[in-house]
Protein backbone atom coordinates (compact mmCIF):
# COMPACT_ATOMS: atom_id res chain seq x y z
CA MET A 1 -21.39 -33.39 -31.99
CA ASN A 2 -18.71 -35.72 -30.61
CA SER A 3 -18.02 -39.27 -31.82
CA TYR A 4 -17.03 -42.24 -29.67
CA ILE A 5 -16.04 -45.88 -30.03
CA LEU A 6 -17.62 -48.28 -27.53
CA LYS A 7 -16.27 -51.84 -27.17
CA ILE A 8 -17.73 -54.49 -24.89
CA ASP A 9 -16.33 -57.94 -24.15
CA CYS A 10 -18.25 -60.08 -21.65
CA GLN A 11 -19.96 -63.41 -20.98
CA ASP A 12 -22.94 -63.90 -23.24
CA GLU A 13 -26.42 -63.46 -21.77
CA LYS A 14 -29.88 -62.86 -23.16
CA GLY A 15 -30.81 -59.24 -23.76
CA LEU A 16 -27.32 -57.73 -23.84
CA ILE A 17 -27.89 -55.72 -27.03
CA TYR A 18 -31.21 -54.44 -25.69
CA ARG A 19 -29.61 -53.37 -22.39
CA VAL A 20 -26.78 -51.51 -24.12
CA ALA A 21 -29.12 -49.84 -26.62
CA ASP A 22 -31.46 -48.77 -23.81
CA ILE A 23 -28.61 -47.10 -21.91
CA VAL A 24 -27.37 -45.42 -25.08
CA PHE A 25 -30.90 -44.06 -25.65
CA LYS A 26 -31.20 -42.81 -22.06
CA TYR A 27 -27.98 -40.84 -22.48
CA LYS A 28 -29.40 -39.30 -25.68
CA LEU A 29 -26.68 -40.81 -27.85
CA ASN A 30 -27.04 -42.05 -31.40
CA ILE A 31 -25.72 -45.40 -32.61
CA VAL A 32 -24.10 -44.61 -35.95
CA LYS A 33 -22.87 -48.16 -36.55
CA ASN A 34 -22.99 -51.36 -34.53
CA ASP A 35 -21.42 -54.83 -34.82
CA GLU A 36 -21.67 -57.80 -32.49
CA PHE A 37 -20.48 -61.40 -32.36
CA VAL A 38 -21.04 -64.33 -30.02
CA ASP A 39 -18.30 -66.94 -29.62
CA LYS A 40 -20.62 -69.86 -28.87
CA GLU A 41 -17.80 -72.22 -27.96
CA HIS A 42 -16.64 -69.99 -25.09
CA GLY A 43 -19.90 -68.16 -24.41
CA LYS A 44 -18.34 -64.76 -25.08
CA PHE A 45 -20.11 -61.65 -26.39
CA PHE A 46 -18.27 -58.95 -28.36
CA MET A 47 -19.75 -55.62 -29.43
CA ARG A 48 -18.36 -52.54 -31.12
CA ALA A 49 -20.47 -49.43 -31.61
CA GLU A 50 -19.82 -45.99 -33.05
CA LEU A 51 -21.74 -43.39 -31.05
CA SER A 52 -22.40 -39.70 -31.53
CA GLY A 53 -23.55 -37.10 -29.02
CA GLU A 54 -22.40 -35.47 -25.80
CA LEU A 55 -21.20 -37.84 -23.11
CA ASN A 56 -20.10 -37.92 -19.49
CA THR A 57 -17.80 -40.92 -19.94
CA LYS A 58 -17.37 -41.83 -16.26
CA GLU A 59 -21.10 -41.76 -15.54
CA PHE A 60 -21.91 -43.68 -18.74
CA LEU A 61 -19.37 -46.39 -17.92
CA GLY A 62 -20.72 -46.77 -14.41
CA THR A 63 -24.25 -47.30 -15.73
CA LEU A 64 -23.05 -49.87 -18.27
CA GLU A 65 -21.05 -51.79 -15.66
CA ALA A 66 -24.14 -52.07 -13.43
CA MET A 67 -26.20 -53.53 -16.28
CA LEU A 68 -23.67 -55.97 -17.76
CA PRO A 69 -22.30 -59.33 -16.51
CA ASN A 70 -19.57 -59.31 -13.88
CA ASN A 71 -16.03 -58.74 -15.18
CA ALA A 72 -17.26 -57.20 -18.41
CA GLN A 73 -14.49 -55.39 -20.27
CA ILE A 74 -15.83 -52.00 -21.37
CA TYR A 75 -13.79 -49.56 -23.44
CA ILE A 76 -14.99 -46.19 -24.64
CA THR A 77 -12.87 -43.52 -26.25
CA PRO A 78 -13.37 -40.43 -28.38
CA LYS A 79 -12.92 -41.12 -32.07
CA CYS A 80 -9.56 -39.47 -32.73
CA LYS A 81 -6.06 -40.07 -34.06
CA LYS A 82 -3.80 -42.35 -32.04
CA ASN A 83 -0.15 -41.59 -31.24
CA ILE A 84 2.33 -44.18 -32.54
CA VAL A 85 6.08 -44.80 -32.56
CA LEU A 86 7.70 -46.74 -35.39
CA MET A 87 10.72 -48.99 -34.85
CA GLY A 88 12.97 -50.13 -37.68
CA THR A 89 16.42 -51.51 -38.43
CA LYS A 90 17.68 -51.19 -42.02
CA GLU A 91 14.86 -52.23 -44.37
CA SER A 92 12.89 -49.24 -45.62
CA HIS A 93 9.92 -50.70 -47.55
CA VAL A 94 7.47 -51.07 -44.67
CA LEU A 95 8.61 -47.97 -42.79
CA GLY A 96 8.55 -45.86 -45.96
CA ASP A 97 5.02 -46.99 -46.80
CA ILE A 98 3.73 -45.87 -43.39
CA LEU A 99 5.57 -42.56 -43.63
CA LEU A 100 4.00 -41.90 -47.05
CA LYS A 101 0.52 -42.68 -45.78
CA HIS A 102 1.09 -40.27 -42.91
CA TYR A 103 2.39 -37.60 -45.31
CA ARG A 104 -0.74 -38.00 -47.48
CA ASN A 105 -2.95 -37.77 -44.37
CA GLU A 106 -4.20 -41.32 -45.00
CA LEU A 107 -3.12 -42.61 -41.59
CA ASN A 108 -5.38 -42.22 -38.59
CA ALA A 109 -2.38 -41.54 -36.37
CA ASN A 110 0.28 -39.08 -35.33
CA ILE A 111 3.79 -40.49 -35.76
CA LEU A 112 5.68 -39.27 -32.72
CA ALA A 113 9.08 -40.66 -33.70
CA VAL A 114 11.08 -43.44 -35.30
CA ILE A 115 13.47 -45.50 -33.16
CA SER A 116 16.15 -47.63 -34.78
CA ASN A 117 19.20 -49.60 -33.75
CA TYR A 118 21.01 -48.33 -36.88
CA GLU A 119 21.34 -44.94 -38.57
CA GLU A 120 20.63 -46.08 -42.15
CA LEU A 121 16.98 -44.97 -42.08
CA LYS A 122 17.66 -41.51 -40.65
CA PRO A 123 17.88 -39.64 -44.02
CA LEU A 124 14.55 -41.15 -45.11
CA VAL A 125 12.76 -40.28 -41.88
CA GLU A 126 14.12 -36.74 -41.77
CA LYS A 127 12.54 -36.05 -45.18
CA PHE A 128 9.19 -36.29 -43.39
CA ASP A 129 10.21 -34.03 -40.48
CA ILE A 130 9.74 -36.81 -37.94
CA PRO A 131 12.15 -37.20 -34.98
CA TYR A 132 14.63 -40.07 -35.35
CA PHE A 133 16.31 -41.70 -32.38
CA HIS A 134 19.27 -44.01 -32.91
CA ILE A 135 19.56 -46.41 -29.98
CA SER A 136 22.32 -48.82 -30.89
CA HIS A 137 22.54 -52.42 -29.66
CA GLU A 138 26.27 -52.66 -30.34
CA ASP A 139 28.73 -53.14 -27.48
CA ILE A 140 25.96 -53.22 -24.86
CA SER A 141 23.66 -55.90 -23.48
CA ARG A 142 20.12 -56.37 -24.75
CA GLN A 143 18.86 -55.34 -21.33
CA ILE A 144 20.64 -51.99 -21.41
CA GLN A 145 19.52 -51.26 -24.98
CA GLU A 146 15.92 -52.10 -24.14
CA GLU A 147 16.05 -49.95 -21.02
CA ARG A 148 17.14 -47.01 -23.19
CA ILE A 149 14.32 -47.67 -25.66
CA LEU A 150 11.79 -47.98 -22.84
CA SER A 151 13.01 -44.70 -21.38
CA LYS A 152 12.45 -42.96 -24.72
CA LEU A 153 9.03 -44.59 -25.13
CA GLN A 154 8.03 -43.47 -21.66
CA GLU A 155 8.99 -39.95 -22.65
CA LEU A 156 6.99 -40.15 -25.91
CA SER A 157 4.00 -42.01 -24.39
CA PRO A 158 2.62 -43.65 -27.56
CA ASP A 159 -0.68 -45.49 -27.80
CA PHE A 160 0.91 -48.16 -30.02
CA ILE A 161 4.36 -49.26 -31.20
CA VAL A 162 4.79 -50.51 -34.76
CA LEU A 163 7.72 -52.80 -35.54
CA ALA A 164 8.36 -51.83 -39.16
CA LYS A 165 10.88 -54.63 -39.80
CA TYR A 166 12.67 -54.06 -36.50
CA MET A 167 15.05 -57.02 -36.58
CA ARG A 168 15.71 -57.50 -32.88
CA ILE A 169 13.86 -59.96 -30.65
CA LEU A 170 12.18 -58.12 -27.80
CA SER A 171 12.46 -59.61 -24.35
CA ASN A 172 9.40 -60.65 -22.34
CA ASP A 173 10.23 -57.90 -19.87
CA PHE A 174 10.00 -55.31 -22.66
CA VAL A 175 6.77 -56.72 -24.10
CA LYS A 176 4.95 -56.73 -20.75
CA HIS A 177 5.13 -52.93 -20.67
CA TYR A 178 2.99 -52.74 -23.82
CA LYS A 179 0.59 -55.68 -23.78
CA GLU A 180 -1.41 -55.79 -27.04
CA LYS A 181 0.17 -52.46 -27.97
CA ILE A 182 3.07 -53.70 -30.15
CA LEU A 183 2.31 -54.52 -33.77
CA ASN A 184 4.70 -56.64 -35.86
CA ILE A 185 4.99 -57.90 -39.44
CA HIS A 186 6.78 -61.03 -40.62
CA HIS A 187 6.91 -63.25 -43.67
CA SER A 188 4.63 -66.24 -43.36
CA PHE A 189 7.44 -68.73 -43.94
CA LEU A 190 8.05 -68.90 -40.21
CA PRO A 191 8.87 -71.26 -38.66
CA ALA A 192 9.72 -73.25 -41.80
CA PHE A 193 12.22 -70.66 -43.06
CA ILE A 194 13.94 -68.85 -40.22
CA GLY A 195 17.22 -67.00 -39.93
CA ALA A 196 19.04 -65.14 -42.68
CA ASN A 197 17.38 -64.59 -46.06
CA PRO A 198 14.14 -66.58 -45.75
CA TYR A 199 13.20 -65.74 -49.35
CA LYS A 200 16.31 -67.45 -50.65
CA GLN A 201 15.50 -70.47 -48.51
CA ALA A 202 11.95 -70.47 -49.89
CA TYR A 203 13.24 -70.21 -53.46
CA GLU A 204 15.57 -73.13 -52.94
CA ARG A 205 12.69 -75.17 -51.49
CA GLY A 206 10.48 -74.36 -54.49
CA VAL A 207 7.54 -72.79 -52.67
CA LYS A 208 4.47 -71.81 -54.67
CA ILE A 209 2.91 -69.35 -52.21
CA ILE A 210 4.51 -66.52 -50.25
CA GLY A 211 2.83 -64.19 -47.82
CA ALA A 212 2.97 -62.10 -44.67
CA THR A 213 1.37 -61.97 -41.23
CA ALA A 214 0.73 -58.96 -38.99
CA HIS A 215 0.18 -59.70 -35.33
CA PHE A 216 0.39 -58.34 -31.82
CA VAL A 217 3.64 -59.17 -30.05
CA ASN A 218 3.50 -61.42 -27.01
CA ASP A 219 5.94 -63.62 -25.07
CA ASN A 220 6.12 -66.24 -27.85
CA LEU A 221 8.18 -65.24 -30.88
CA ASP A 222 5.92 -64.49 -33.88
CA GLU A 223 3.01 -66.32 -32.26
CA GLY A 224 0.95 -63.39 -31.01
CA PRO A 225 -2.72 -62.80 -31.95
CA ILE A 226 -2.98 -62.53 -35.74
CA ILE A 227 -4.56 -59.36 -37.14
CA ALA A 228 -4.12 -59.66 -40.91
CA GLN A 229 -2.59 -62.03 -43.46
CA ASP A 230 -2.24 -62.25 -47.21
CA VAL A 231 -0.53 -64.46 -49.79
CA ILE A 232 0.41 -64.39 -53.47
CA THR A 233 1.36 -67.22 -55.80
CA VAL A 234 4.83 -67.57 -57.33
CA ASN A 235 6.28 -70.04 -59.79
CA HIS A 236 9.53 -71.36 -61.22
CA GLU A 237 10.13 -68.10 -63.09
CA PHE A 238 10.73 -66.23 -59.82
CA GLY A 239 14.33 -65.99 -58.67
CA TRP A 240 14.83 -65.40 -54.96
CA ARG A 241 15.29 -61.64 -55.49
CA GLU A 242 12.02 -61.40 -57.44
CA MET A 243 10.39 -63.44 -54.71
CA GLN A 244 11.78 -61.07 -52.10
CA ARG A 245 10.44 -58.01 -53.95
CA ALA A 246 7.01 -59.61 -54.25
CA GLY A 247 7.08 -60.59 -50.59
CA ARG A 248 7.97 -57.10 -49.49
CA ASN A 249 4.93 -55.74 -51.33
CA VAL A 250 2.74 -58.18 -49.42
CA GLU A 251 4.39 -57.15 -46.14
CA LYS A 252 3.57 -53.48 -46.82
CA THR A 253 -0.06 -54.23 -47.63
CA VAL A 254 -0.64 -56.54 -44.67
CA LEU A 255 0.93 -54.23 -42.10
CA SER A 256 -0.98 -51.26 -43.51
CA THR A 257 -4.26 -53.18 -43.23
CA ALA A 258 -3.50 -54.31 -39.68
CA LEU A 259 -2.46 -50.84 -38.59
CA ASP A 260 -5.69 -49.32 -39.89
CA LEU A 261 -7.71 -51.89 -37.92
CA VAL A 262 -5.73 -51.13 -34.76
CA LEU A 263 -6.06 -47.37 -35.14
CA GLU A 264 -9.82 -47.62 -35.68
CA ASP A 265 -10.33 -49.71 -32.51
CA ARG A 266 -11.76 -52.65 -34.47
CA ILE A 267 -9.92 -55.47 -32.68
CA PHE A 268 -10.71 -57.64 -29.67
CA VAL A 269 -8.14 -60.13 -28.37
CA HIS A 270 -9.42 -63.35 -26.82
CA ASN A 271 -7.42 -66.54 -26.13
CA ASN A 272 -4.57 -65.46 -28.45
CA LYS A 273 -7.05 -64.93 -31.28
CA THR A 274 -8.66 -61.77 -32.60
CA VAL A 275 -12.24 -60.77 -33.27
CA ILE A 276 -12.24 -57.99 -35.86
CA PHE A 277 -15.16 -55.79 -36.90
C-alpha cells in the first residue's frame, strides 16, 4: 500500500471538501489524515491530505483539475524522503545538529552534500561520510562564486537547500532558481541588530528576549515567508557570550522544526505568509 501527500490551494467555493473526497473515493483511496483552512480575507482554500492506496497520479490530477476552481494549485507526491543540500560557512552548531539527526535516522531526508565557502567544517562533515564541497568566495566575484555553486547544485539536484548559518547574501538571480526551496535561519534581532556580533549588540542594549526565525529565502533579505520562530528570556546575569550560547540553542531548535515541516510537505506559501498544517 503506497502513501501520498495531496495539497490543494485554490479559490474558496462551496462543496470543495465533498468534491475532493468523492474523487478520492472513486479512485479507491483512503484518507488517512486531512486538514483544511479557509483564508476568509482573501477567499482562499487550503487542504492537505495523507492518502493511501494505489494511484495513477496523472489521471488522478486530471480529474481533480476538472472538478476544482480555475488556476487551482494541486500537488501530489509519494510520501518519501526528500533530497537536501546543506550550506554553511564556519559556525557548526546548526549544521552539526542536522548531521546528528540524519545520523540517528531522525531526519526525513537524504543529505546529498555540504557546500561551504570555507574549509573549517570539512572535518566535521567527513565524520558523517557526507560529501563536502569547498567553493570559496575569495579573490572572485559573487557572480562567479554563485555560478560555481549553482553548477554543483544542478549536478546534485536537491529538493531543498538549507542555509545552516551560511553567511553570504545570495543574489536575486541565485534565489530565482530555487523559489521556496531555500530555507534559512537567523537571529530575531534583525533588523535592530545587524552586522558583526548581534548578540554583543543585544547585550549592550539590555534586551530581555532573544530568539530565532526560520524562513524561506526570497528577494528581500531575511524577509521571506516565516516557517517557525521561538524566543527565550534573558536577564542582567547573561553576558554576551552566554546570550550567544543560548541563542544558538534556539537557532538549532527553530531550524530543526522548520526543516521537519518542509520535509513533510506541511507548508503552503501565500502572499509572503505561510499556512502550516
